């Protein structure tokens, strides 16, 4: 299985899940910062922490991880109970 390395669910904060959801819809770090009303640097830090926790190296790998573990719902695929970020 290609996703075999995704054998561990990382402990993510609610804010980190929000960031992943916004990455999944294609927002840039600047757009995520505006949407969450935080600085771009904070978004950069969140993404760095998320990539470290999930042991992924980039956004594509992160989204594969998030889909595998049911952290995001993308185009009615792998829909889960995680609510989309508000605001």
PDB file of N, CA and C in Angstrom:
ATOM      1  N   UNK A   1       0.838  -1.182   0.000  1.00  0.00           N
ATOM      2  CA  UNK A   1       0.000   0.000   0.000  1.00  0.00           C
ATOM      3  C   UNK A   1       0.884   1.246   0.000  1.00  0.00           C
ATOM      4  N   UNK A   2       0.580   2.204  -0.826  1.00  0.00           N
ATOM      5  CA  UNK A   2       1.361   3.425  -0.960  1.00  0.00           C
ATOM      6  C   UNK A   2       1.373   4.213   0.347  1.00  0.00           C
ATOM      7  N   UNK A   3       0.267   4.252   1.062  1.00  0.00           N
ATOM      8  CA  UNK A   3       0.155   5.055   2.276  1.00  0.00           C
ATOM      9  C   UNK A   3       0.623   4.318   3.517  1.00  0.00           C
ATOM     10  N   UNK A   4       1.384   3.252   3.345  1.00  0.00           N
ATOM     11  CA  UNK A   4       1.810   2.433   4.472  1.00  0.00           C
ATOM     12  C   UNK A   4       2.538   3.235   5.542  1.00  0.00           C
ATOM     13  N   UNK A   5       3.264   4.270   5.151  1.00  0.00           N
ATOM     14  CA  UNK A   5       3.995   5.057   6.141  1.00  0.00           C
ATOM     15  C   UNK A   5       3.055   5.858   7.037  1.00  0.00           C
ATOM     16  N   UNK A   6       1.784   5.983   6.647  1.00  0.00           N
ATOM     17  CA  UNK A   6       0.811   6.720   7.448  1.00  0.00           C
ATOM     18  C   UNK A   6       0.187   5.802   8.482  1.00  0.00           C
ATOM     19  N   UNK A   7       1.010   5.230   9.338  1.00  0.00           N
ATOM     20  CA  UNK A   7       0.519   4.245  10.281  1.00  0.00           C
ATOM     21  C   UNK A   7       0.263   4.809  11.668  1.00  0.00           C
ATOM     22  N   UNK A   8       0.352   6.118  11.823  1.00  0.00           N
ATOM     23  CA  UNK A   8       0.181   6.713  13.127  1.00  0.00           C
ATOM     24  C   UNK A   8      -0.640   7.995  13.022  1.00  0.00           C
ATOM     25  N   UNK A   9      -1.720   8.083  13.775  1.00  0.00           N
ATOM     26  CA  UNK A   9      -2.502   9.312  13.792  1.00  0.00           C
ATOM     27  C   UNK A   9      -1.788  10.308  14.687  1.00  0.00           C
ATOM     28  N   UNK A  10      -1.469  11.459  14.142  1.00  0.00           N
ATOM     29  CA  UNK A  10      -0.801  12.504  14.921  1.00  0.00           C
ATOM     30  C   UNK A  10      -1.813  13.217  15.805  1.00  0.00           C
ATOM     31  N   UNK A  11      -1.339  13.732  16.910  1.00  0.00           N
ATOM     32  CA  UNK A  11      -2.181  14.510  17.804  1.00  0.00           C
ATOM     33  C   UNK A  11      -2.159  15.962  17.329  1.00  0.00           C
ATOM     34  N   UNK A  12      -3.267  16.392  16.747  1.00  0.00           N
ATOM     35  CA  UNK A  12      -3.351  17.736  16.189  1.00  0.00           C
ATOM     36  C   UNK A  12      -4.357  18.568  16.968  1.00  0.00           C
ATOM     37  N   UNK A  13      -4.057  19.859  17.089  1.00  0.00           N
ATOM     38  CA  UNK A  13      -4.983  20.772  17.750  1.00  0.00           C
ATOM     39  C   UNK A  13      -6.142  21.101  16.802  1.00  0.00           C
ATOM     40  N   UNK A  14      -7.187  21.680  17.368  1.00  0.00           N
ATOM     41  CA  UNK A  14      -8.319  22.107  16.540  1.00  0.00           C
ATOM     42  C   UNK A  14      -7.872  23.108  15.485  1.00  0.00           C
ATOM     43  N   UNK A  15      -6.985  24.020  15.861  1.00  0.00           N
ATOM     44  CA  UNK A  15      -6.485  25.023  14.920  1.00  0.00           C
ATOM     45  C   UNK A  15      -5.686  24.358  13.795  1.00  0.00           C
ATOM     46  N   UNK A  16      -4.888  23.362  14.124  1.00  0.00           N
ATOM     47  CA  UNK A  16      -4.124  22.660  13.091  1.00  0.00           C
ATOM     48  C   UNK A  16      -5.054  21.941  12.126  1.00  0.00           C
ATOM     49  N   UNK A  17      -6.137  21.365  12.632  1.00  0.00           N
ATOM     50  CA  UNK A  17      -7.130  20.737  11.752  1.00  0.00           C
ATOM     51  C   UNK A  17      -7.763  21.781  10.843  1.00  0.00           C
ATOM     52  N   UNK A  18      -8.063  22.964  11.383  1.00  0.00           N
ATOM     53  CA  UNK A  18      -8.611  24.046  10.557  1.00  0.00           C
ATOM     54  C   UNK A  18      -7.649  24.400   9.433  1.00  0.00           C
ATOM     55  N   UNK A  19      -6.373  24.492   9.749  1.00  0.00           N
ATOM     56  CA  UNK A  19      -5.370  24.824   8.734  1.00  0.00           C
ATOM     57  C   UNK A  19      -5.343  23.744   7.655  1.00  0.00           C
ATOM     58  N   UNK A  20      -5.377  22.492   8.052  1.00  0.00           N
ATOM     59  CA  UNK A  20      -5.387  21.399   7.071  1.00  0.00           C
ATOM     60  C   UNK A  20      -6.619  21.501   6.177  1.00  0.00           C
ATOM     61  N   UNK A  21      -7.769  21.785   6.750  1.00  0.00           N
ATOM     62  CA  UNK A  21      -8.992  21.920   5.956  1.00  0.00           C
ATOM     63  C   UNK A  21      -8.860  23.035   4.927  1.00  0.00           C
ATOM     64  N   UNK A  22      -8.262  24.151   5.331  1.00  0.00           N
ATOM     65  CA  UNK A  22      -8.102  25.271   4.403  1.00  0.00           C
ATOM     66  C   UNK A  22      -7.042  24.982   3.346  1.00  0.00           C
ATOM     67  N   UNK A  23      -6.011  24.235   3.703  1.00  0.00           N
ATOM     68  CA  UNK A  23      -5.034  23.773   2.704  1.00  0.00           C
ATOM     69  C   UNK A  23      -5.747  22.868   1.698  1.00  0.00           C
ATOM     70  N   UNK A  24      -6.649  22.032   2.189  1.00  0.00           N
ATOM     71  CA  UNK A  24      -7.327  21.058   1.319  1.00  0.00           C
ATOM     72  C   UNK A  24      -8.207  21.721   0.264  1.00  0.00           C
ATOM     73  N   UNK A  25      -8.650  22.959   0.513  1.00  0.00           N
ATOM     74  CA  UNK A  25      -9.458  23.646  -0.504  1.00  0.00           C
ATOM     75  C   UNK A  25      -8.607  24.576  -1.366  1.00  0.00           C
ATOM     76  N   UNK A  26      -7.279  24.505  -1.169  1.00  0.00           N
ATOM     77  CA  UNK A  26      -6.356  25.195  -2.063  1.00  0.00           C
ATOM     78  C   UNK A  26      -5.957  26.598  -1.654  1.00  0.00           C
ATOM     79  N   UNK A  27      -6.219  26.990  -0.408  1.00  0.00           N
ATOM     80  CA  UNK A  27      -5.841  28.336   0.010  1.00  0.00           C
ATOM     81  C   UNK A  27      -4.335  28.435   0.245  1.00  0.00           C
ATOM     82  N   UNK A  28      -3.792  29.608  -0.054  1.00  0.00           N
ATOM     83  CA  UNK A  28      -2.388  29.889   0.230  1.00  0.00           C
ATOM     84  C   UNK A  28      -2.242  30.220   1.718  1.00  0.00           C
ATOM     85  N   UNK A  29      -1.009  30.302   2.177  1.00  0.00           N
ATOM     86  CA  UNK A  29      -0.774  30.674   3.569  1.00  0.00           C
ATOM     87  C   UNK A  29      -1.337  32.056   3.878  1.00  0.00           C
ATOM     88  N   UNK A  30      -1.193  32.994   2.944  1.00  0.00           N
ATOM     89  CA  UNK A  30      -1.752  34.332   3.138  1.00  0.00           C
ATOM     90  C   UNK A  30      -3.275  34.284   3.250  1.00  0.00           C
ATOM     91  N   UNK A  31      -3.914  33.507   2.392  1.00  0.00           N
ATOM     92  CA  UNK A  31      -5.372  33.391   2.428  1.00  0.00           C
ATOM     93  C   UNK A  31      -5.852  32.715   3.716  1.00  0.00           C
ATOM     94  N   UNK A  32      -5.103  31.705   4.158  1.00  0.00           N
ATOM     95  CA  UNK A  32      -5.441  31.031   5.415  1.00  0.00           C
ATOM     96  C   UNK A  32      -5.335  32.023   6.566  1.00  0.00           C
ATOM     97  N   UNK A  33      -4.284  32.823   6.569  1.00  0.00           N
ATOM     98  CA  UNK A  33      -4.090  33.826   7.619  1.00  0.00           C
ATOM     99  C   UNK A  33      -5.265  34.798   7.662  1.00  0.00           C
ATOM    100  N   UNK A  34      -5.691  35.273   6.501  1.00  0.00           N
ATOM    101  CA  UNK A  34      -6.832  36.189   6.435  1.00  0.00           C
ATOM    102  C   UNK A  34      -8.100  35.521   6.945  1.00  0.00           C
ATOM    103  N   UNK A  35      -8.340  34.304   6.507  1.00  0.00           N
ATOM    104  CA  UNK A  35      -9.553  33.573   6.880  1.00  0.00           C
ATOM    105  C   UNK A  35      -9.620  33.327   8.387  1.00  0.00           C
ATOM    106  N   UNK A  36      -8.487  32.976   8.995  1.00  0.00           N
ATOM    107  CA  UNK A  36      -8.456  32.670  10.421  1.00  0.00           C
ATOM    108  C   UNK A  36      -8.132  33.891  11.286  1.00  0.00           C
ATOM    109  N   UNK A  37      -7.882  35.022  10.612  1.00  0.00           N
ATOM    110  CA  UNK A  37      -7.539  36.266  11.301  1.00  0.00           C
ATOM    111  C   UNK A  37      -6.315  36.109  12.203  1.00  0.00           C
ATOM    112  N   UNK A  38      -5.276  35.510  11.619  1.00  0.00           N
ATOM    113  CA  UNK A  38      -3.987  35.355  12.288  1.00  0.00           C
ATOM    114  C   UNK A  38      -2.912  35.783  11.292  1.00  0.00           C
ATOM    115  N   UNK A  39      -1.678  35.912  11.747  1.00  0.00           N
ATOM    116  CA  UNK A  39      -0.605  36.338  10.846  1.00  0.00           C
ATOM    117  C   UNK A  39      -0.167  35.189   9.939  1.00  0.00           C
ATOM    118  N   UNK A  40       0.426  35.557   8.806  1.00  0.00           N
ATOM    119  CA  UNK A  40       0.959  34.555   7.895  1.00  0.00           C
ATOM    120  C   UNK A  40       2.060  33.748   8.591  1.00  0.00           C
ATOM    121  N   UNK A  41       2.835  34.414   9.413  1.00  0.00           N
ATOM    122  CA  UNK A  41       3.907  33.718  10.126  1.00  0.00           C
ATOM    123  C   UNK A  41       3.340  32.633  11.049  1.00  0.00           C
ATOM    124  N   UNK A  42       2.206  32.915  11.680  1.00  0.00           N
ATOM    125  CA  UNK A  42       1.554  31.916  12.525  1.00  0.00           C
ATOM    126  C   UNK A  42       1.100  30.731  11.680  1.00  0.00           C
ATOM    127  N   UNK A  43       0.559  31.002  10.506  1.00  0.00           N
ATOM    128  CA  UNK A  43       0.158  29.923   9.596  1.00  0.00           C
ATOM    129  C   UNK A  43       1.377  29.111   9.197  1.00  0.00           C
ATOM    130  N   UNK A  44       2.470  29.799   8.853  1.00  0.00           N
ATOM    131  CA  UNK A  44       3.714  29.104   8.512  1.00  0.00           C
ATOM    132  C   UNK A  44       4.139  28.172   9.649  1.00  0.00           C
ATOM    133  N   UNK A  45       4.068  28.678  10.878  1.00  0.00           N
ATOM    134  CA  UNK A  45       4.443  27.870  12.042  1.00  0.00           C
ATOM    135  C   UNK A  45       3.509  26.681  12.217  1.00  0.00           C
ATOM    136  N   UNK A  46       2.204  26.917  12.060  1.00  0.00           N
ATOM    137  CA  UNK A  46       1.244  25.811  12.166  1.00  0.00           C
ATOM    138  C   UNK A  46       1.565  24.735  11.132  1.00  0.00           C
ATOM    139  N   UNK A  47       1.790  25.159   9.886  1.00  0.00           N
ATOM    140  CA  UNK A  47       2.074  24.179   8.832  1.00  0.00           C
ATOM    141  C   UNK A  47       3.365  23.421   9.102  1.00  0.00           C
ATOM    142  N   UNK A  48       4.371  24.112   9.572  1.00  0.00           N
ATOM    143  CA  UNK A  48       5.625  23.444   9.914  1.00  0.00           C
ATOM    144  C   UNK A  48       5.398  22.394  11.001  1.00  0.00           C
ATOM    145  N   UNK A  49       4.649  22.761  12.034  1.00  0.00           N
ATOM    146  CA  UNK A  49       4.343  21.821  13.111  1.00  0.00           C
ATOM    147  C   UNK A  49       3.512  20.642  12.606  1.00  0.00           C
ATOM    148  N   UNK A  50       2.542  20.930  11.748  1.00  0.00           N
ATOM    149  CA  UNK A  50       1.680  19.878  11.194  1.00  0.00           C
ATOM    150  C   UNK A  50       2.510  18.892  10.376  1.00  0.00           C
ATOM    151  N   UNK A  51       3.375  19.416   9.512  1.00  0.00           N
ATOM    152  CA  UNK A  51       4.208  18.541   8.679  1.00  0.00           C
ATOM    153  C   UNK A  51       5.110  17.673   9.543  1.00  0.00           C
ATOM    154  N   UNK A  52       5.631  18.249  10.612  1.00  0.00           N
ATOM    155  CA  UNK A  52       6.488  17.493  11.533  1.00  0.00           C
ATOM    156  C   UNK A  52       5.682  16.398  12.239  1.00  0.00           C
ATOM    157  N   UNK A  53       4.518  16.766  12.777  1.00  0.00           N
ATOM    158  CA  UNK A  53       3.695  15.804  13.515  1.00  0.00           C
ATOM    159  C   UNK A  53       3.210  14.660  12.636  1.00  0.00           C
ATOM    160  N   UNK A  54       2.888  14.977  11.384  1.00  0.00           N
ATOM    161  CA  UNK A  54       2.345  13.964  10.481  1.00  0.00           C
ATOM    162  C   UNK A  54       3.440  13.243   9.694  1.00  0.00           C
ATOM    163  N   UNK A  55       4.671  13.703   9.861  1.00  0.00           N
ATOM    164  CA  UNK A  55       5.809  13.132   9.147  1.00  0.00           C
ATOM    165  C   UNK A  55       5.597  13.164   7.630  1.00  0.00           C
ATOM    166  N   UNK A  56       5.067  14.309   7.180  1.00  0.00           N
ATOM    167  CA  UNK A  56       4.887  14.542   5.753  1.00  0.00           C
ATOM    168  C   UNK A  56       5.817  15.674   5.341  1.00  0.00           C
ATOM    169  N   UNK A  57       6.160  15.733   4.076  1.00  0.00           N
ATOM    170  CA  UNK A  57       7.141  16.706   3.624  1.00  0.00           C
ATOM    171  C   UNK A  57       6.599  17.884   2.848  1.00  0.00           C
ATOM    172  N   UNK A  58       5.333  17.808   2.448  1.00  0.00           N
ATOM    173  CA  UNK A  58       4.756  18.897   1.666  1.00  0.00           C
ATOM    174  C   UNK A  58       3.230  18.815   1.721  1.00  0.00           C
ATOM    175  N   UNK A  59       2.567  19.764   1.084  1.00  0.00           N
ATOM    176  CA  UNK A  59       1.099  19.838   1.132  1.00  0.00           C
ATOM    177  C   UNK A  59       0.427  18.625   0.495  1.00  0.00           C
ATOM    178  N   UNK A  60       0.995  18.119  -0.573  1.00  0.00           N
ATOM    179  CA  UNK A  60       0.399  16.954  -1.230  1.00  0.00           C
ATOM    180  C   UNK A  60       0.435  15.747  -0.293  1.00  0.00           C
ATOM    181  N   UNK A  61       1.590  15.497   0.300  1.00  0.00           N
ATOM    182  CA  UNK A  61       1.693  14.386   1.249  1.00  0.00           C
ATOM    183  C   UNK A  61       0.789  14.620   2.457  1.00  0.00           C
ATOM    184  N   UNK A  62       0.692  15.868   2.913  1.00  0.00           N
ATOM    185  CA  UNK A  62      -0.179  16.193   4.040  1.00  0.00           C
ATOM    186  C   UNK A  62      -1.638  15.884   3.702  1.00  0.00           C
ATOM    187  N   UNK A  63      -2.079  16.253   2.506  1.00  0.00           N
ATOM    188  CA  UNK A  63      -3.468  15.978   2.119  1.00  0.00           C
ATOM    189  C   UNK A  63      -3.719  14.483   1.965  1.00  0.00           C
ATOM    190  N   UNK A  64      -2.744  13.756   1.462  1.00  0.00           N
ATOM    191  CA  UNK A  64      -2.882  12.292   1.414  1.00  0.00           C
ATOM    192  C   UNK A  64      -3.044  11.735   2.824  1.00  0.00           C
ATOM    193  N   UNK A  65      -2.219  12.228   3.747  1.00  0.00           N
ATOM    194  CA  UNK A  65      -2.300  11.802   5.141  1.00  0.00           C
ATOM    195  C   UNK A  65      -3.677  12.142   5.721  1.00  0.00           C
ATOM    196  N   UNK A  66      -4.134  13.372   5.488  1.00  0.00           N
ATOM    197  CA  UNK A  66      -5.414  13.830   6.039  1.00  0.00           C
ATOM    198  C   UNK A  66      -6.587  13.028   5.484  1.00  0.00           C
ATOM    199  N   UNK A  67      -6.548  12.702   4.212  1.00  0.00           N
ATOM    200  CA  UNK A  67      -7.605  11.867   3.630  1.00  0.00           C
ATOM    201  C   UNK A  67      -7.550  10.461   4.206  1.00  0.00           C
ATOM    202  N   UNK A  68      -6.363   9.916   4.329  1.00  0.00           N
ATOM    203  CA  UNK A  68      -6.186   8.563   4.855  1.00  0.00           C
ATOM    204  C   UNK A  68      -6.751   8.441   6.264  1.00  0.00           C
ATOM    205  N   UNK A  69      -6.509   9.453   7.112  1.00  0.00           N
ATOM    206  CA  UNK A  69      -6.948   9.410   8.500  1.00  0.00           C
ATOM    207  C   UNK A  69      -8.301  10.067   8.735  1.00  0.00           C
ATOM    208  N   UNK A  70      -8.991  10.463   7.662  1.00  0.00           N
ATOM    209  CA  UNK A  70     -10.326  11.027   7.816  1.00  0.00           C
ATOM    210  C   UNK A  70     -10.355  12.403   8.451  1.00  0.00           C
ATOM    211  N   UNK A  71      -9.309  13.184   8.248  1.00  0.00           N
ATOM    212  CA  UNK A  71      -9.258  14.527   8.824  1.00  0.00           C
ATOM    213  C   UNK A  71      -9.902  15.573   7.930  1.00  0.00           C
ATOM    214  N   UNK A  72     -10.094  15.251   6.658  1.00  0.00           N
ATOM    215  CA  UNK A  72     -10.746  16.182   5.734  1.00  0.00           C
ATOM    216  C   UNK A  72     -11.743  15.427   4.867  1.00  0.00           C
ATOM    217  N   UNK A  73     -12.681  16.178   4.366  1.00  0.00           N
ATOM    218  CA  UNK A  73     -13.668  15.678   3.413  1.00  0.00           C
ATOM    219  C   UNK A  73     -13.430  16.451   2.124  1.00  0.00           C
ATOM    220  N   UNK A  74     -13.153  15.764   1.053  1.00  0.00           N
ATOM    221  CA  UNK A  74     -12.793  16.426  -0.192  1.00  0.00           C
ATOM    222  C   UNK A  74     -13.687  15.934  -1.324  1.00  0.00           C
ATOM    223  N   UNK A  75     -14.518  16.819  -1.852  1.00  0.00           N
ATOM    224  CA  UNK A  75     -15.409  16.485  -2.967  1.00  0.00           C
ATOM    225  C   UNK A  75     -16.224  15.222  -2.688  1.00  0.00           C
ATOM    226  N   UNK A  76     -16.818  15.153  -1.495  1.00  0.00           N
ATOM    227  CA  UNK A  76     -17.640  14.022  -1.081  1.00  0.00           C
ATOM    228  C   UNK A  76     -16.866  12.702  -1.008  1.00  0.00           C
ATOM    229  N   UNK A  77     -15.545  12.765  -1.005  1.00  0.00           N
ATOM    230  CA  UNK A  77     -14.717  11.581  -0.817  1.00  0.00           C
ATOM    231  C   UNK A  77     -14.211  11.587   0.614  1.00  0.00           C
ATOM    232  N   UNK A  78     -14.345  10.464   1.279  1.00  0.00           N
ATOM    233  CA  UNK A  78     -13.835  10.318   2.637  1.00  0.00           C
ATOM    234  C   UNK A  78     -14.469  11.312   3.602  1.00  0.00           C
ATOM    235  N   UNK A  79     -15.748  11.596   3.402  1.00  0.00           N
ATOM    236  CA  UNK A  79     -16.428  12.565   4.263  1.00  0.00           C
ATOM    237  C   UNK A  79     -16.451  12.060   5.690  1.00  0.00           C
ATOM    238  N   UNK A  80     -16.186  12.977   6.586  1.00  0.00           N
ATOM    239  CA  UNK A  80     -16.079  12.627   7.983  1.00  0.00           C
ATOM    240  C   UNK A  80     -16.818  13.665   8.826  1.00  0.00           C
ATOM    241  N   UNK A  81     -16.792  13.474  10.115  1.00  0.00           N
ATOM    242  CA  UNK A  81     -17.533  14.354  11.022  1.00  0.00           C
ATOM    243  C   UNK A  81     -16.793  15.629  11.374  1.00  0.00           C
ATOM    244  N   UNK A  82     -15.614  15.840  10.826  1.00  0.00           N
ATOM    245  CA  UNK A  82     -14.847  17.049  11.148  1.00  0.00           C
ATOM    246  C   UNK A  82     -15.498  18.240  10.453  1.00  0.00           C
ATOM    247  N   UNK A  83     -15.965  19.249  11.217  1.00  0.00           N
ATOM    248  CA  UNK A  83     -16.604  20.416  10.593  1.00  0.00           C
ATOM    249  C   UNK A  83     -15.573  21.297   9.911  1.00  0.00           C
ATOM    250  N   UNK A  84     -15.954  21.914   8.808  1.00  0.00           N
ATOM    251  CA  UNK A  84     -15.053  22.836   8.119  1.00  0.00           C
ATOM    252  C   UNK A  84     -14.853  24.077   8.965  1.00  0.00           C
ATOM    253  N   UNK A  85     -13.700  24.691   8.797  1.00  0.00           N
ATOM    254  CA  UNK A  85     -13.386  25.909   9.552  1.00  0.00           C
ATOM    255  C   UNK A  85     -14.417  26.990   9.259  1.00  0.00           C
ATOM    256  N   UNK A  86     -14.825  27.684  10.260  1.00  0.00           N
ATOM    257  CA  UNK A  86     -15.783  28.771  10.124  1.00  0.00           C
ATOM    258  C   UNK A  86     -15.059  30.108   9.973  1.00  0.00           C
ATOM    259  N   UNK A  87     -15.748  31.074   9.395  1.00  0.00           N
ATOM    260  CA  UNK A  87     -15.318  32.472   9.303  1.00  0.00           C
ATOM    261  C   UNK A  87     -14.979  32.871   7.939  1.00  0.00           C
TER     262      UNK A  87
END
